[in-house]
């Protein structure tokens, strides 16, 4: 497998009265170049799972794999792994510590020992990948930026290492609908144009569902559903029982089916819904 787990279990504070099993024999695998979603109610284990994928957390039992090799605990190997698997935390801009945007994005390349010319090239490329004007922002303090710009700078800081896998934990938290859509369009472009594998934990299915190849559903630390997006989102009642809602446009299509109108329900964008409704109008005329 390219990246995934086998019977991954994680217990916080083991051996104490406060022990909590956050993951319970979680197994999944993703292929290179996929755009995948991890969804589930709060407390389902999503954040715990993704922190295992680049070695930030160690399994209580089970294994994490990258390119068919089990991830171990050797510090040198883990550092190499984290260059290839980038992780963006929820609200990453709250962890900014540099005085300028340039220094924030340059932090990781400098830690790798790159010379300043390589660092400058890497910072410029990373900022341009996320659609920001590098020259305009270099000397700005990160906290002077808008919420959307801060999130993009945080993403650029991870992309400066040219990872092969990008993992994001609730990347649209705190963004308005336009900002959420812009971010998912950016992730989709990076996935399609560069082959970057993308794995996103999110509650915002309205924006995310249209881009996913694969969906993994967690509840109570277990994998409840997994597979191609169309198959998972077709299990409407089961998702409801987990407290999860389908994208609003998909709900509209289900509503039309309930009105005995012959439309598809595996639709996740307004454009797709418009086309389907236009087809329906054509059949009725």
C-alpha atoms as a PDB file:
ATOM      1  CA  UNK A   1       0.000   0.000   0.000  1.00  0.00           C
ATOM      2  CA  UNK A   2       1.093   3.590  -0.546  1.00  0.00           C
ATOM      3  CA  UNK A   3      -0.135   4.818   2.843  1.00  0.00           C
ATOM      4  CA  UNK A   4      -2.427   3.174   5.358  1.00  0.00           C
ATOM      5  CA  UNK A   5      -2.803   1.181   8.558  1.00  0.00           C
ATOM      6  CA  UNK A   6      -3.402  -2.377   9.707  1.00  0.00           C
ATOM      7  CA  UNK A   7      -5.297  -2.990  12.944  1.00  0.00           C
ATOM      8  CA  UNK A   8      -4.095   0.341  14.324  1.00  0.00           C
ATOM      9  CA  UNK A   9      -5.057   0.818  17.970  1.00  0.00           C
ATOM     10  CA  UNK A  10      -4.203   3.788  20.150  1.00  0.00           C
ATOM     11  CA  UNK A  11      -4.905   4.170  23.861  1.00  0.00           C
ATOM     12  CA  UNK A  12      -4.317   7.457  25.649  1.00  0.00           C
ATOM     13  CA  UNK A  13      -2.964   7.199  29.224  1.00  0.00           C
ATOM     14  CA  UNK A  14      -2.732   3.400  29.175  1.00  0.00           C
ATOM     15  CA  UNK A  15      -2.534   1.629  32.513  1.00  0.00           C
ATOM     16  CA  UNK A  16      -4.285   4.454  34.356  1.00  0.00           C
ATOM     17  CA  UNK A  17      -7.888   4.931  35.493  1.00  0.00           C
ATOM     18  CA  UNK A  18      -8.167   7.513  32.701  1.00  0.00           C
ATOM     19  CA  UNK A  19      -7.184   5.154  29.873  1.00  0.00           C
ATOM     20  CA  UNK A  20      -9.163   5.844  26.702  1.00  0.00           C
ATOM     21  CA  UNK A  21      -9.046   3.773  23.538  1.00  0.00           C
ATOM     22  CA  UNK A  22      -9.227   6.385  20.758  1.00  0.00           C
ATOM     23  CA  UNK A  23      -8.605   4.003  17.838  1.00  0.00           C
ATOM     24  CA  UNK A  24      -9.682   0.355  17.667  1.00  0.00           C
ATOM     25  CA  UNK A  25      -8.046  -1.852  15.038  1.00  0.00           C
ATOM     26  CA  UNK A  26      -8.354   0.693  12.244  1.00  0.00           C
ATOM     27  CA  UNK A  27      -7.337  -0.655   8.828  1.00  0.00           C
ATOM     28  CA  UNK A  28      -7.374   1.277   5.557  1.00  0.00           C
ATOM     29  CA  UNK A  29      -5.170   1.927   2.560  1.00  0.00           C
ATOM     30  CA  UNK A  30      -4.847   4.688  -0.019  1.00  0.00           C
ATOM     31  CA  UNK A  31      -3.172   4.683  -3.407  1.00  0.00           C
ATOM     32  CA  UNK A  32      -0.704   7.314  -4.571  1.00  0.00           C
ATOM     33  CA  UNK A  33      -2.420  10.397  -5.981  1.00  0.00           C
ATOM     34  CA  UNK A  34      -5.769   9.938  -4.239  1.00  0.00           C
ATOM     35  CA  UNK A  35      -7.882  12.738  -2.787  1.00  0.00           C
ATOM     36  CA  UNK A  36      -9.452  11.204   0.317  1.00  0.00           C
ATOM     37  CA  UNK A  37     -11.721  12.430   3.109  1.00  0.00           C
ATOM     38  CA  UNK A  38     -11.901  11.251   6.701  1.00  0.00           C
ATOM     39  CA  UNK A  39     -15.272  12.116   8.196  1.00  0.00           C
ATOM     40  CA  UNK A  40     -17.038  11.262  11.415  1.00  0.00           C
ATOM     41  CA  UNK A  41     -18.622  12.844  14.476  1.00  0.00           C
ATOM     42  CA  UNK A  42     -16.522  14.722  17.029  1.00  0.00           C
ATOM     43  CA  UNK A  43     -14.487  12.330  19.134  1.00  0.00           C
ATOM     44  CA  UNK A  44     -14.498   9.607  16.489  1.00  0.00           C
ATOM     45  CA  UNK A  45     -10.695   9.436  16.332  1.00  0.00           C
ATOM     46  CA  UNK A  46     -10.005  11.403  13.132  1.00  0.00           C
ATOM     47  CA  UNK A  47      -7.241  13.626  14.542  1.00  0.00           C
ATOM     48  CA  UNK A  48      -5.645  10.745  16.422  1.00  0.00           C
ATOM     49  CA  UNK A  49      -5.553   8.694  13.229  1.00  0.00           C
ATOM     50  CA  UNK A  50      -3.844  11.296  11.054  1.00  0.00           C
ATOM     51  CA  UNK A  51      -1.193  12.004  13.697  1.00  0.00           C
ATOM     52  CA  UNK A  52      -0.062   8.399  13.327  1.00  0.00           C
ATOM     53  CA  UNK A  53       0.440   8.736   9.583  1.00  0.00           C
ATOM     54  CA  UNK A  54       3.668  10.715   9.865  1.00  0.00           C
ATOM     55  CA  UNK A  55       4.784   9.294  13.182  1.00  0.00           C
ATOM     56  CA  UNK A  56       3.687  12.035  15.583  1.00  0.00           C
ATOM     57  CA  UNK A  57       1.877   9.397  17.619  1.00  0.00           C
ATOM     58  CA  UNK A  58       2.999   5.810  18.156  1.00  0.00           C
ATOM     59  CA  UNK A  59       0.502   2.953  17.938  1.00  0.00           C
ATOM     60  CA  UNK A  60      -0.438   1.060  21.057  1.00  0.00           C
ATOM     61  CA  UNK A  61      -0.715  -1.882  18.684  1.00  0.00           C
ATOM     62  CA  UNK A  62      -0.971  -2.419  14.954  1.00  0.00           C
ATOM     63  CA  UNK A  63       1.050  -0.809  12.188  1.00  0.00           C
ATOM     64  CA  UNK A  64       1.196   2.284   9.994  1.00  0.00           C
ATOM     65  CA  UNK A  65       2.585   1.787   6.481  1.00  0.00           C
ATOM     66  CA  UNK A  66       4.117   4.078   3.900  1.00  0.00           C
ATOM     67  CA  UNK A  67       5.162   2.607   0.569  1.00  0.00           C
ATOM     68  CA  UNK A  68       4.643  -0.911   1.946  1.00  0.00           C
ATOM     69  CA  UNK A  69       7.053  -0.313   4.829  1.00  0.00           C
ATOM     70  CA  UNK A  70       5.997  -0.150   8.467  1.00  0.00           C
ATOM     71  CA  UNK A  71       6.743   3.182  10.107  1.00  0.00           C
ATOM     72  CA  UNK A  72       9.128   2.669  13.011  1.00  0.00           C
ATOM     73  CA  UNK A  73      10.409   4.893  15.814  1.00  0.00           C
ATOM     74  CA  UNK A  74      13.907   5.731  14.566  1.00  0.00           C
ATOM     75  CA  UNK A  75      14.231   9.531  14.834  1.00  0.00           C
ATOM     76  CA  UNK A  76      16.261   9.938  11.652  1.00  0.00           C
ATOM     77  CA  UNK A  77      13.764   7.898   9.651  1.00  0.00           C
ATOM     78  CA  UNK A  78      10.850   9.835  11.135  1.00  0.00           C
ATOM     79  CA  UNK A  79      12.416  13.149  10.108  1.00  0.00           C
ATOM     80  CA  UNK A  80      12.770  11.859   6.553  1.00  0.00           C
ATOM     81  CA  UNK A  81       9.180  10.632   6.660  1.00  0.00           C
ATOM     82  CA  UNK A  82       7.853  14.039   7.758  1.00  0.00           C
ATOM     83  CA  UNK A  83       9.487  15.661   4.741  1.00  0.00           C
ATOM     84  CA  UNK A  84       7.435  13.351   2.526  1.00  0.00           C
ATOM     85  CA  UNK A  85       4.193  13.413   4.524  1.00  0.00           C
ATOM     86  CA  UNK A  86       3.165  16.942   5.450  1.00  0.00           C
ATOM     87  CA  UNK A  87       0.605  17.526   8.204  1.00  0.00           C
ATOM     88  CA  UNK A  88      -1.371  20.763   8.592  1.00  0.00           C
ATOM     89  CA  UNK A  89      -3.121  21.077  11.939  1.00  0.00           C
ATOM     90  CA  UNK A  90      -6.497  22.673  12.586  1.00  0.00           C
ATOM     91  CA  UNK A  91      -6.076  26.472  12.889  1.00  0.00           C
ATOM     92  CA  UNK A  92      -2.318  26.207  12.088  1.00  0.00           C
ATOM     93  CA  UNK A  93      -1.955  29.994  12.015  1.00  0.00           C
ATOM     94  CA  UNK A  94      -2.316  29.971  15.808  1.00  0.00           C
ATOM     95  CA  UNK A  95       1.135  28.343  15.875  1.00  0.00           C
ATOM     96  CA  UNK A  96       2.907  31.093  13.895  1.00  0.00           C
ATOM     97  CA  UNK A  97       6.069  32.239  15.644  1.00  0.00           C
ATOM     98  CA  UNK A  98       8.127  34.117  13.029  1.00  0.00           C
ATOM     99  CA  UNK A  99       8.168  37.864  12.476  1.00  0.00           C
ATOM    100  CA  UNK A 100       7.627  37.703   8.708  1.00  0.00           C
ATOM    101  CA  UNK A 101       5.803  35.524   6.208  1.00  0.00           C
ATOM    102  CA  UNK A 102       9.134  34.711   4.551  1.00  0.00           C
ATOM    103  CA  UNK A 103      10.681  33.415   7.779  1.00  0.00           C
ATOM    104  CA  UNK A 104       7.554  31.418   8.627  1.00  0.00           C
ATOM    105  CA  UNK A 105       7.600  29.553   5.312  1.00  0.00           C
ATOM    106  CA  UNK A 106      11.405  29.303   5.347  1.00  0.00           C
ATOM    107  CA  UNK A 107      11.592  27.652   8.747  1.00  0.00           C
ATOM    108  CA  UNK A 108      11.458  24.033   7.557  1.00  0.00           C
ATOM    109  CA  UNK A 109      13.841  24.399   4.571  1.00  0.00           C
ATOM    110  CA  UNK A 110      16.369  26.186   6.797  1.00  0.00           C
ATOM    111  CA  UNK A 111      16.158  23.371   9.340  1.00  0.00           C
ATOM    112  CA  UNK A 112      17.085  20.977   6.553  1.00  0.00           C
ATOM    113  CA  UNK A 113      20.294  22.917   6.052  1.00  0.00           C
ATOM    114  CA  UNK A 114      19.501  24.378   2.632  1.00  0.00           C
ATOM    115  CA  UNK A 115      21.486  27.442   1.610  1.00  0.00           C
ATOM    116  CA  UNK A 116      19.711  30.800   1.467  1.00  0.00           C
ATOM    117  CA  UNK A 117      19.324  30.753  -2.300  1.00  0.00           C
ATOM    118  CA  UNK A 118      17.604  27.377  -2.122  1.00  0.00           C
ATOM    119  CA  UNK A 119      15.490  28.599   0.775  1.00  0.00           C
ATOM    120  CA  UNK A 120      14.390  31.712  -1.120  1.00  0.00           C
ATOM    121  CA  UNK A 121      13.492  29.652  -4.183  1.00  0.00           C
ATOM    122  CA  UNK A 122      11.556  27.164  -2.054  1.00  0.00           C
ATOM    123  CA  UNK A 123       9.631  29.882  -0.222  1.00  0.00           C
ATOM    124  CA  UNK A 124       8.721  31.661  -3.463  1.00  0.00           C
ATOM    125  CA  UNK A 125       7.560  28.429  -5.105  1.00  0.00           C
ATOM    126  CA  UNK A 126       5.504  27.393  -2.060  1.00  0.00           C
ATOM    127  CA  UNK A 127       3.721  30.747  -1.798  1.00  0.00           C
ATOM    128  CA  UNK A 128       2.993  30.743  -5.523  1.00  0.00           C
ATOM    129  CA  UNK A 129       1.571  27.197  -5.272  1.00  0.00           C
ATOM    130  CA  UNK A 130      -1.083  28.490  -2.879  1.00  0.00           C
ATOM    131  CA  UNK A 131      -1.781  31.560  -5.008  1.00  0.00           C
ATOM    132  CA  UNK A 132      -0.087  34.217  -2.887  1.00  0.00           C
ATOM    133  CA  UNK A 133       2.136  37.025  -4.177  1.00  0.00           C
ATOM    134  CA  UNK A 134       5.484  36.139  -2.636  1.00  0.00           C
ATOM    135  CA  UNK A 135       7.205  39.484  -3.200  1.00  0.00           C
ATOM    136  CA  UNK A 136       4.253  41.389  -1.760  1.00  0.00           C
ATOM    137  CA  UNK A 137       4.020  39.288   1.403  1.00  0.00           C
ATOM    138  CA  UNK A 138       7.646  38.455   2.238  1.00  0.00           C
ATOM    139  CA  UNK A 139       8.059  41.181   4.872  1.00  0.00           C
ATOM    140  CA  UNK A 140       4.505  41.199   6.218  1.00  0.00           C
ATOM    141  CA  UNK A 141       3.887  39.939   9.741  1.00  0.00           C
ATOM    142  CA  UNK A 142       1.716  36.797   9.519  1.00  0.00           C
ATOM    143  CA  UNK A 143      -0.777  38.216  11.998  1.00  0.00           C
ATOM    144  CA  UNK A 144      -1.432  41.197   9.713  1.00  0.00           C
ATOM    145  CA  UNK A 145      -2.979  38.896   7.114  1.00  0.00           C
ATOM    146  CA  UNK A 146      -6.609  37.928   6.612  1.00  0.00           C
ATOM    147  CA  UNK A 147      -7.845  34.597   7.985  1.00  0.00           C
ATOM    148  CA  UNK A 148      -7.719  33.066   4.509  1.00  0.00           C
ATOM    149  CA  UNK A 149      -4.207  34.362   3.820  1.00  0.00           C
ATOM    150  CA  UNK A 150      -2.977  33.015   7.173  1.00  0.00           C
ATOM    151  CA  UNK A 151      -4.309  29.577   6.318  1.00  0.00           C
ATOM    152  CA  UNK A 152      -2.593  29.694   2.917  1.00  0.00           C
ATOM    153  CA  UNK A 153       0.719  30.754   4.485  1.00  0.00           C
ATOM    154  CA  UNK A 154       0.470  27.825   6.903  1.00  0.00           C
ATOM    155  CA  UNK A 155      -0.163  25.519   3.959  1.00  0.00           C
ATOM    156  CA  UNK A 156       2.778  27.016   2.054  1.00  0.00           C
ATOM    157  CA  UNK A 157       5.026  26.327   5.055  1.00  0.00           C
ATOM    158  CA  UNK A 158       4.264  22.611   4.681  1.00  0.00           C
ATOM    159  CA  UNK A 159       4.484  22.652   0.875  1.00  0.00           C
ATOM    160  CA  UNK A 160       7.949  24.233   1.089  1.00  0.00           C
ATOM    161  CA  UNK A 161       9.287  20.713   1.720  1.00  0.00           C
ATOM    162  CA  UNK A 162       7.639  19.372  -1.471  1.00  0.00           C
ATOM    163  CA  UNK A 163       5.820  16.528   0.309  1.00  0.00           C
ATOM    164  CA  UNK A 164       4.300  13.594  -1.538  1.00  0.00           C
ATOM    165  CA  UNK A 165       1.346  13.403   0.847  1.00  0.00           C
ATOM    166  CA  UNK A 166      -0.547  16.352   2.333  1.00  0.00           C
ATOM    167  CA  UNK A 167      -2.745  15.682   5.374  1.00  0.00           C
ATOM    168  CA  UNK A 168      -5.018  18.411   6.709  1.00  0.00           C
ATOM    169  CA  UNK A 169      -7.078  18.443   9.910  1.00  0.00           C
ATOM    170  CA  UNK A 170     -10.246  20.558   9.463  1.00  0.00           C
ATOM    171  CA  UNK A 171      -8.426  22.965   7.106  1.00  0.00           C
ATOM    172  CA  UNK A 172     -11.465  25.207   6.595  1.00  0.00           C
ATOM    173  CA  UNK A 173     -12.200  25.824  10.291  1.00  0.00           C
ATOM    174  CA  UNK A 174     -12.899  29.515  10.793  1.00  0.00           C
ATOM    175  CA  UNK A 175     -13.153  30.325   7.080  1.00  0.00           C
ATOM    176  CA  UNK A 176     -16.244  31.721   5.375  1.00  0.00           C
ATOM    177  CA  UNK A 177     -17.926  29.745   2.543  1.00  0.00           C
ATOM    178  CA  UNK A 178     -15.909  31.541  -0.150  1.00  0.00           C
ATOM    179  CA  UNK A 179     -12.681  30.816   1.721  1.00  0.00           C
ATOM    180  CA  UNK A 180     -13.611  27.162   2.160  1.00  0.00           C
ATOM    181  CA  UNK A 181     -14.366  26.745  -1.533  1.00  0.00           C
ATOM    182  CA  UNK A 182     -11.145  28.526  -2.534  1.00  0.00           C
ATOM    183  CA  UNK A 183      -9.101  26.208  -0.306  1.00  0.00           C
ATOM    184  CA  UNK A 184     -10.670  23.015  -1.654  1.00  0.00           C
ATOM    185  CA  UNK A 185     -10.245  24.206  -5.231  1.00  0.00           C
ATOM    186  CA  UNK A 186      -6.564  24.796  -4.434  1.00  0.00           C
ATOM    187  CA  UNK A 187      -6.188  21.321  -2.925  1.00  0.00           C
ATOM    188  CA  UNK A 188      -7.913  19.818  -5.959  1.00  0.00           C
ATOM    189  CA  UNK A 189      -5.540  21.651  -8.306  1.00  0.00           C
ATOM    190  CA  UNK A 190      -2.474  20.486  -6.362  1.00  0.00           C
ATOM    191  CA  UNK A 191      -3.812  16.930  -6.438  1.00  0.00           C
ATOM    192  CA  UNK A 192      -4.536  16.928 -10.183  1.00  0.00           C
ATOM    193  CA  UNK A 193      -1.607  18.999 -11.452  1.00  0.00           C
ATOM    194  CA  UNK A 194       1.227  17.703  -9.267  1.00  0.00           C
ATOM    195  CA  UNK A 195       0.025  14.237  -8.247  1.00  0.00           C
ATOM    196  CA  UNK A 196       0.118  15.238  -4.577  1.00  0.00           C
ATOM    197  CA  UNK A 197      -1.858  12.765  -2.456  1.00  0.00           C
ATOM    198  CA  UNK A 198      -4.357  14.663  -0.292  1.00  0.00           C
ATOM    199  CA  UNK A 199      -6.081  13.422   2.858  1.00  0.00           C
ATOM    200  CA  UNK A 200      -8.521  15.769   4.610  1.00  0.00           C
ATOM    201  CA  UNK A 201     -10.397  15.483   7.899  1.00  0.00           C
ATOM    202  CA  UNK A 202     -13.436  17.724   7.525  1.00  0.00           C
ATOM    203  CA  UNK A 203     -17.007  18.450   8.552  1.00  0.00           C
ATOM    204  CA  UNK A 204     -17.635  20.680   5.514  1.00  0.00           C
ATOM    205  CA  UNK A 205     -18.899  18.173   2.964  1.00  0.00           C
ATOM    206  CA  UNK A 206     -20.635  20.872   0.901  1.00  0.00           C
ATOM    207  CA  UNK A 207     -17.232  21.939  -0.428  1.00  0.00           C
ATOM    208  CA  UNK A 208     -15.216  18.739  -0.022  1.00  0.00           C
ATOM    209  CA  UNK A 209     -17.472  16.030  -1.440  1.00  0.00           C
ATOM    210  CA  UNK A 210     -17.041  17.090  -5.068  1.00  0.00           C
ATOM    211  CA  UNK A 211     -13.282  16.481  -4.998  1.00  0.00           C
ATOM    212  CA  UNK A 212     -12.902  13.210  -3.113  1.00  0.00           C
ATOM    213  CA  UNK A 213     -12.045   9.867  -4.696  1.00  0.00           C
ATOM    214  CA  UNK A 214     -12.265   7.959  -1.421  1.00  0.00           C
ATOM    215  CA  UNK A 215     -14.071   8.458   1.888  1.00  0.00           C
ATOM    216  CA  UNK A 216     -13.295   6.916   5.274  1.00  0.00           C
ATOM    217  CA  UNK A 217     -15.981   7.187   7.984  1.00  0.00           C
ATOM    218  CA  UNK A 218     -15.024   6.806  11.652  1.00  0.00           C
ATOM    219  CA  UNK A 219     -17.172   6.384  14.728  1.00  0.00           C
ATOM    220  CA  UNK A 220     -15.985   5.515  18.203  1.00  0.00           C
ATOM    221  CA  UNK A 221     -12.455   4.915  16.954  1.00  0.00           C
ATOM    222  CA  UNK A 222     -13.557   2.333  14.386  1.00  0.00           C
ATOM    223  CA  UNK A 223     -13.910   2.392  10.605  1.00  0.00           C
ATOM    224  CA  UNK A 224     -17.643   2.176   9.949  1.00  0.00           C
ATOM    225  CA  UNK A 225     -17.612   2.832   6.193  1.00  0.00           C
ATOM    226  CA  UNK A 226     -14.919   3.195   3.566  1.00  0.00           C
ATOM    227  CA  UNK A 227     -14.667   3.135  -0.190  1.00  0.00           C
ATOM    228  CA  UNK A 228     -15.248   5.267  -3.291  1.00  0.00           C
ATOM    229  CA  UNK A 229     -17.021   8.540  -2.510  1.00  0.00           C
ATOM    230  CA  UNK A 230     -20.111   7.680  -4.561  1.00  0.00           C
ATOM    231  CA  UNK A 231     -20.598   4.404  -2.693  1.00  0.00           C
ATOM    232  CA  UNK A 232     -20.144   5.926   0.767  1.00  0.00           C
ATOM    233  CA  UNK A 233     -22.390   8.935   0.138  1.00  0.00           C
ATOM    234  CA  UNK A 234     -25.059   6.612  -1.255  1.00  0.00           C
ATOM    235  CA  UNK A 235     -25.492   5.200   2.278  1.00  0.00           C
ATOM    236  CA  UNK A 236     -27.609   8.142   3.335  1.00  0.00           C
ATOM    237  CA  UNK A 237     -29.492   6.501   6.226  1.00  0.00           C
ATOM    238  CA  UNK A 238     -26.346   5.018   7.733  1.00  0.00           C
ATOM    239  CA  UNK A 239     -24.608   8.411   7.621  1.00  0.00           C
ATOM    240  CA  UNK A 240     -27.661  10.005   9.245  1.00  0.00           C
ATOM    241  CA  UNK A 241     -27.501   7.470  12.053  1.00  0.00           C
ATOM    242  CA  UNK A 242     -23.903   8.543  12.652  1.00  0.00           C
ATOM    243  CA  UNK A 243     -25.008  12.170  12.924  1.00  0.00           C
ATOM    244  CA  UNK A 244     -23.495  13.086   9.549  1.00  0.00           C
ATOM    245  CA  UNK A 245     -25.280  15.116   6.896  1.00  0.00           C
ATOM    246  CA  UNK A 246     -24.786  14.849   3.151  1.00  0.00           C
ATOM    247  CA  UNK A 247     -23.886  17.942   1.107  1.00  0.00           C
ATOM    248  CA  UNK A 248     -26.870  20.289   0.795  1.00  0.00           C
ATOM    249  CA  UNK A 249     -27.087  19.867  -2.978  1.00  0.00           C
ATOM    250  CA  UNK A 250     -27.214  16.078  -2.575  1.00  0.00           C
ATOM    251  CA  UNK A 251     -30.052  16.441  -0.086  1.00  0.00           C
ATOM    252  CA  UNK A 252     -31.953  18.477  -2.679  1.00  0.00           C
ATOM    253  CA  UNK A 253     -31.575  15.658  -5.204  1.00  0.00           C
ATOM    254  CA  UNK A 254     -32.851  13.125  -2.663  1.00  0.00           C
ATOM    255  CA  UNK A 255     -35.795  15.447  -2.061  1.00  0.00           C
ATOM    256  CA  UNK A 256     -36.606  15.393  -5.769  1.00  0.00           C
ATOM    257  CA  UNK A 257     -36.449  11.589  -5.797  1.00  0.00           C
ATOM    258  CA  UNK A 258     -38.903  11.539  -2.887  1.00  0.00           C
ATOM    259  CA  UNK A 259     -41.199  13.621  -5.117  1.00  0.00           C
ATOM    260  CA  UNK A 260     -40.990  10.751  -7.640  1.00  0.00           C
ATOM    261  CA  UNK A 261     -38.754  12.708 -10.035  1.00  0.00           C
ATOM    262  CA  UNK A 262     -36.162  10.592 -11.916  1.00  0.00           C
ATOM    263  CA  UNK A 263     -32.876  12.297 -10.981  1.00  0.00           C
ATOM    264  CA  UNK A 264     -29.546  10.977  -9.792  1.00  0.00           C
ATOM    265  CA  UNK A 265     -28.643  11.398  -6.133  1.00  0.00           C
ATOM    266  CA  UNK A 266     -24.869  10.981  -6.502  1.00  0.00           C
ATOM    267  CA  UNK A 267     -24.476  14.688  -7.185  1.00  0.00           C
ATOM    268  CA  UNK A 268     -22.353  16.957  -5.004  1.00  0.00           C
ATOM    269  CA  UNK A 269     -22.056  20.296  -6.827  1.00  0.00           C
ATOM    270  CA  UNK A 270     -24.484  22.982  -7.943  1.00  0.00           C
ATOM    271  CA  UNK A 271     -23.255  22.681 -11.536  1.00  0.00           C
ATOM    272  CA  UNK A 272     -23.992  18.944 -11.608  1.00  0.00           C
ATOM    273  CA  UNK A 273     -27.402  19.524 -10.049  1.00  0.00           C
ATOM    274  CA  UNK A 274     -28.222  22.209 -12.622  1.00  0.00           C
ATOM    275  CA  UNK A 275     -27.340  19.859 -15.478  1.00  0.00           C
ATOM    276  CA  UNK A 276     -29.405  17.042 -13.997  1.00  0.00           C
ATOM    277  CA  UNK A 277     -32.428  19.281 -13.466  1.00  0.00           C
ATOM    278  CA  UNK A 278     -32.112  20.650 -17.011  1.00  0.00           C
ATOM    279  CA  UNK A 279     -32.127  17.064 -18.310  1.00  0.00           C
ATOM    280  CA  UNK A 280     -35.265  16.419 -16.285  1.00  0.00           C
ATOM    281  CA  UNK A 281     -36.922  19.520 -17.730  1.00  0.00           C
ATOM    282  CA  UNK A 282     -36.002  18.341 -21.221  1.00  0.00           C
ATOM    283  CA  UNK A 283     -37.580  14.938 -20.621  1.00  0.00           C
ATOM    284  CA  UNK A 284     -40.768  16.549 -19.345  1.00  0.00           C
ATOM    285  CA  UNK A 285     -41.186  18.973 -22.262  1.00  0.00           C
END
